[in-house]
Amino acid sequence: MRSAIGEAASAVLAAVGYTALTMDRVAEAAGVSKGTLYNYFEDKDALVLEVIDQAFTVLAGKIDETCTDSSPASWRLRQLARLVVTGVEELRALGQALCTGPMPPRLSAGLRERQMRMRERFVLLFRQAEAAGELRPGGHTPHELGRLLVLMVDGIINERILHAADCPDVERDVALLDECIQRLWFQEAP
């Protein structure tokens, strides 16, 4: 039932945007009573966070696989950035629906929490790259590099969500990001 409600909420969100999304509309779309909806979700923000989590389930599995792969950390970082940008690109309509108006603090905090989890994955991979001697010398910490990479990825994602018509093909953005990661932070391959 929870999954079906999430799917209905996703459809309503895509159709009307976050601001116009109501629990009544979602209950009607899901074919359940409003009371049933509240048995599963405390409020609209909890419901939208569930929609986001459902949408990213497949991407999260691919991210986990990449992080635990035995390839060099430099490859895994570039692959992870690629997965995030292309994965979010596939969910652009969801991102656009969330940007229809001001975001309430709880939803904003939930998205920030997910962003911080991604940063920690980047930091972990930069630590592994540092331990393997893959990073260029320069004195930047894995935490600083992870933060910067998240900012780069977020910038690409935000522009693609908010100004899609002005963006190159997603593969071009990914190739540029990949080149930046390799050239800025990693040693040349022997």
Protein backbone atom coordinates (compact mmCIF):
# COMPACT_ATOMS: atom_id res chain seq x y z
CA MET A 1 0.00 0.00 0.00
CA ARG A 2 2.81 2.40 0.92
CA SER A 3 4.44 1.89 -2.46
CA ALA A 4 1.15 2.39 -4.33
CA ILE A 5 0.53 5.61 -2.42
CA GLY A 6 4.06 6.75 -3.27
CA GLU A 7 3.46 6.05 -6.96
CA ALA A 8 0.19 8.00 -6.90
CA ALA A 9 1.90 10.88 -5.10
CA SER A 10 4.66 10.87 -7.70
CA ALA A 11 2.10 11.18 -10.51
CA VAL A 12 0.23 14.00 -8.74
CA LEU A 13 3.51 15.78 -7.94
CA ALA A 14 4.59 15.60 -11.59
CA ALA A 15 1.21 16.92 -12.72
CA VAL A 16 0.72 19.82 -10.29
CA GLY A 17 4.07 20.51 -8.61
CA TYR A 18 4.95 20.61 -4.93
CA THR A 19 2.99 23.73 -4.01
CA ALA A 20 -0.33 22.42 -5.37
CA LEU A 21 0.19 18.88 -4.08
CA THR A 22 -2.35 18.06 -1.37
CA MET A 23 -3.05 14.97 0.67
CA ASP A 24 -6.62 15.04 -0.72
CA ARG A 25 -5.33 14.87 -4.30
CA VAL A 26 -2.96 12.03 -3.48
CA ALA A 27 -5.67 10.07 -1.61
CA GLU A 28 -7.98 10.42 -4.59
CA ALA A 29 -5.27 9.37 -7.06
CA ALA A 30 -4.31 6.38 -4.89
CA GLY A 31 -7.95 5.35 -4.38
CA VAL A 32 -7.67 5.46 -0.60
CA SER A 33 -9.17 7.60 2.12
CA LYS A 34 -7.29 10.56 3.48
CA GLY A 35 -7.17 8.74 6.84
CA THR A 36 -5.44 5.77 5.21
CA LEU A 37 -2.91 8.14 3.72
CA TYR A 38 -2.15 9.56 7.16
CA ASN A 39 -1.69 6.03 8.54
CA TYR A 40 1.38 5.80 6.31
CA PHE A 41 2.60 9.40 6.12
CA GLU A 42 2.65 12.05 8.81
CA ASP A 43 2.28 14.91 6.34
CA LYS A 44 2.92 16.11 2.81
CA ASP A 45 6.68 16.47 3.37
CA ALA A 46 7.01 12.87 4.62
CA LEU A 47 5.08 11.74 1.55
CA VAL A 48 7.31 13.71 -0.83
CA LEU A 49 10.46 12.35 0.84
CA GLU A 50 9.05 8.86 0.25
CA VAL A 51 8.49 9.73 -3.43
CA ILE A 52 12.11 10.87 -3.66
CA ASP A 53 13.38 7.71 -1.95
CA GLN A 54 11.28 5.48 -4.22
CA ALA A 55 12.53 7.32 -7.29
CA PHE A 56 16.14 6.88 -6.28
CA THR A 57 15.98 3.22 -5.19
CA VAL A 58 17.50 1.86 -8.42
CA LEU A 59 20.12 4.60 -8.52
CA ALA A 60 21.03 3.91 -4.88
CA GLY A 61 21.72 0.26 -5.73
CA LYS A 62 24.01 1.26 -8.60
CA ILE A 63 25.79 3.72 -6.32
CA ASP A 64 26.35 1.00 -3.72
CA GLU A 65 27.76 -1.34 -6.38
CA THR A 66 30.13 1.35 -7.62
CA CYS A 67 31.37 2.26 -4.15
CA THR A 68 32.24 -1.35 -3.36
CA ASP A 69 33.75 -2.20 -6.75
CA SER A 70 37.41 -3.26 -6.72
CA SER A 71 38.41 -0.74 -9.42
CA PRO A 72 40.72 2.17 -8.57
CA ALA A 73 39.09 4.91 -6.49
CA SER A 74 39.60 7.44 -9.30
CA TRP A 75 37.43 5.33 -11.63
CA ARG A 76 34.80 4.77 -8.91
CA LEU A 77 34.60 8.52 -8.16
CA ARG A 78 34.14 9.39 -11.81
CA GLN A 79 31.59 6.61 -12.24
CA LEU A 80 29.72 7.73 -9.12
CA ALA A 81 29.52 11.32 -10.38
CA ARG A 82 28.31 9.99 -13.75
CA LEU A 83 25.64 7.84 -12.09
CA VAL A 84 24.33 10.73 -10.01
CA VAL A 85 24.14 13.21 -12.88
CA THR A 86 22.58 10.78 -15.37
CA GLY A 87 20.31 9.25 -12.71
CA VAL A 88 18.94 12.63 -11.70
CA GLU A 89 18.61 13.58 -15.36
CA GLU A 90 16.26 10.63 -15.78
CA LEU A 91 14.22 12.03 -12.88
CA ARG A 92 14.28 15.64 -14.07
CA ALA A 93 10.47 15.94 -13.97
CA LEU A 94 10.56 15.16 -10.24
CA GLY A 95 13.20 17.84 -9.69
CA GLN A 96 11.19 20.36 -11.67
CA ALA A 97 8.05 19.52 -9.68
CA LEU A 98 9.91 20.17 -6.44
CA CYS A 99 11.06 23.56 -7.70
CA THR A 100 7.57 24.99 -8.26
CA GLY A 101 7.67 27.12 -5.13
CA PRO A 102 9.39 27.66 -1.82
CA MET A 103 10.56 24.50 -0.16
CA PRO A 104 9.50 24.00 3.46
CA PRO A 105 12.29 23.54 6.02
CA ARG A 106 11.57 19.86 6.72
CA LEU A 107 11.71 18.89 3.05
CA SER A 108 14.79 21.02 2.53
CA ALA A 109 16.45 19.33 5.52
CA GLY A 110 15.54 15.89 4.13
CA LEU A 111 17.11 16.72 0.78
CA ARG A 112 20.18 18.15 2.52
CA GLU A 113 20.54 14.92 4.52
CA ARG A 114 20.58 12.93 1.28
CA GLN A 115 23.12 15.34 -0.20
CA MET A 116 25.37 14.89 2.84
CA ARG A 117 25.22 11.11 2.49
CA MET A 118 26.43 11.51 -1.09
CA ARG A 119 29.24 13.78 0.08
CA GLU A 120 30.35 11.13 2.58
CA ARG A 121 30.53 8.57 -0.21
CA PHE A 122 32.72 10.94 -2.22
CA VAL A 123 34.91 11.63 0.83
CA LEU A 124 35.33 7.90 1.48
CA LEU A 125 36.44 7.33 -2.12
CA PHE A 126 38.84 10.29 -1.96
CA ARG A 127 40.31 8.78 1.24
CA GLN A 128 40.78 5.47 -0.55
CA ALA A 129 42.39 7.27 -3.49
CA GLU A 130 44.71 9.10 -1.10
CA ALA A 131 45.70 5.86 0.61
CA ALA A 132 46.40 4.26 -2.78
CA GLY A 133 48.56 7.20 -3.88
CA GLU A 134 46.18 8.09 -6.71
CA LEU A 135 45.63 11.74 -5.74
CA ARG A 136 47.76 14.58 -7.01
CA PRO A 137 49.85 16.18 -4.32
CA GLY A 138 48.37 19.49 -3.23
CA GLY A 139 47.38 19.42 0.38
CA HIS A 140 43.61 19.24 -0.10
CA THR A 141 41.85 16.90 2.29
CA PRO A 142 39.45 14.22 1.12
CA HIS A 143 36.71 16.14 2.93
CA GLU A 144 37.47 19.32 0.96
CA LEU A 145 37.56 17.39 -2.31
CA GLY A 146 34.30 15.57 -1.51
CA ARG A 147 32.60 18.87 -0.74
CA LEU A 148 33.83 20.43 -3.96
CA LEU A 149 32.74 17.45 -6.03
CA VAL A 150 29.24 17.58 -4.50
CA LEU A 151 29.07 21.29 -5.35
CA MET A 152 30.08 20.57 -8.94
CA VAL A 153 27.55 17.76 -9.30
CA ASP A 154 24.80 19.83 -7.64
CA GLY A 155 25.54 22.75 -9.95
CA ILE A 156 25.15 20.56 -13.03
CA ILE A 157 21.96 19.00 -11.67
CA ASN A 158 20.42 22.34 -10.68
CA GLU A 159 21.13 23.89 -14.06
CA ARG A 160 19.72 20.86 -15.86
CA ILE A 161 16.54 20.97 -13.74
CA LEU A 162 15.99 24.73 -13.84
CA HIS A 163 17.38 25.63 -17.27
CA ALA A 164 17.25 22.45 -19.33
CA ALA A 165 16.86 24.26 -22.65
CA ASP A 166 20.21 26.00 -22.14
CA CYS A 167 22.13 22.80 -21.34
CA PRO A 168 24.17 20.59 -23.62
CA ASP A 169 23.39 16.92 -23.91
CA VAL A 170 23.78 15.20 -20.52
CA GLU A 171 26.65 13.09 -21.86
CA ARG A 172 28.59 16.26 -22.66
CA ASP A 173 28.14 17.51 -19.09
CA VAL A 174 29.19 14.13 -17.74
CA ALA A 175 32.27 13.99 -19.98
CA LEU A 176 33.33 17.46 -18.83
CA LEU A 177 32.83 16.52 -15.17
CA ASP A 178 34.78 13.30 -15.70
CA GLU A 179 37.67 15.21 -17.29
CA CYS A 180 37.70 17.77 -14.46
CA ILE A 181 37.82 15.08 -11.80
CA GLN A 182 40.66 13.26 -13.53
CA ARG A 183 42.75 16.33 -14.37
CA LEU A 184 42.25 18.30 -11.17
CA TRP A 185 42.68 15.61 -8.56
CA PHE A 186 44.33 12.48 -9.89
CA GLN A 187 47.84 11.51 -10.93
CA GLU A 188 48.45 10.72 -14.56
CA ALA A 189 48.20 7.00 -15.27
CA PRO A 190 51.66 5.46 -15.67
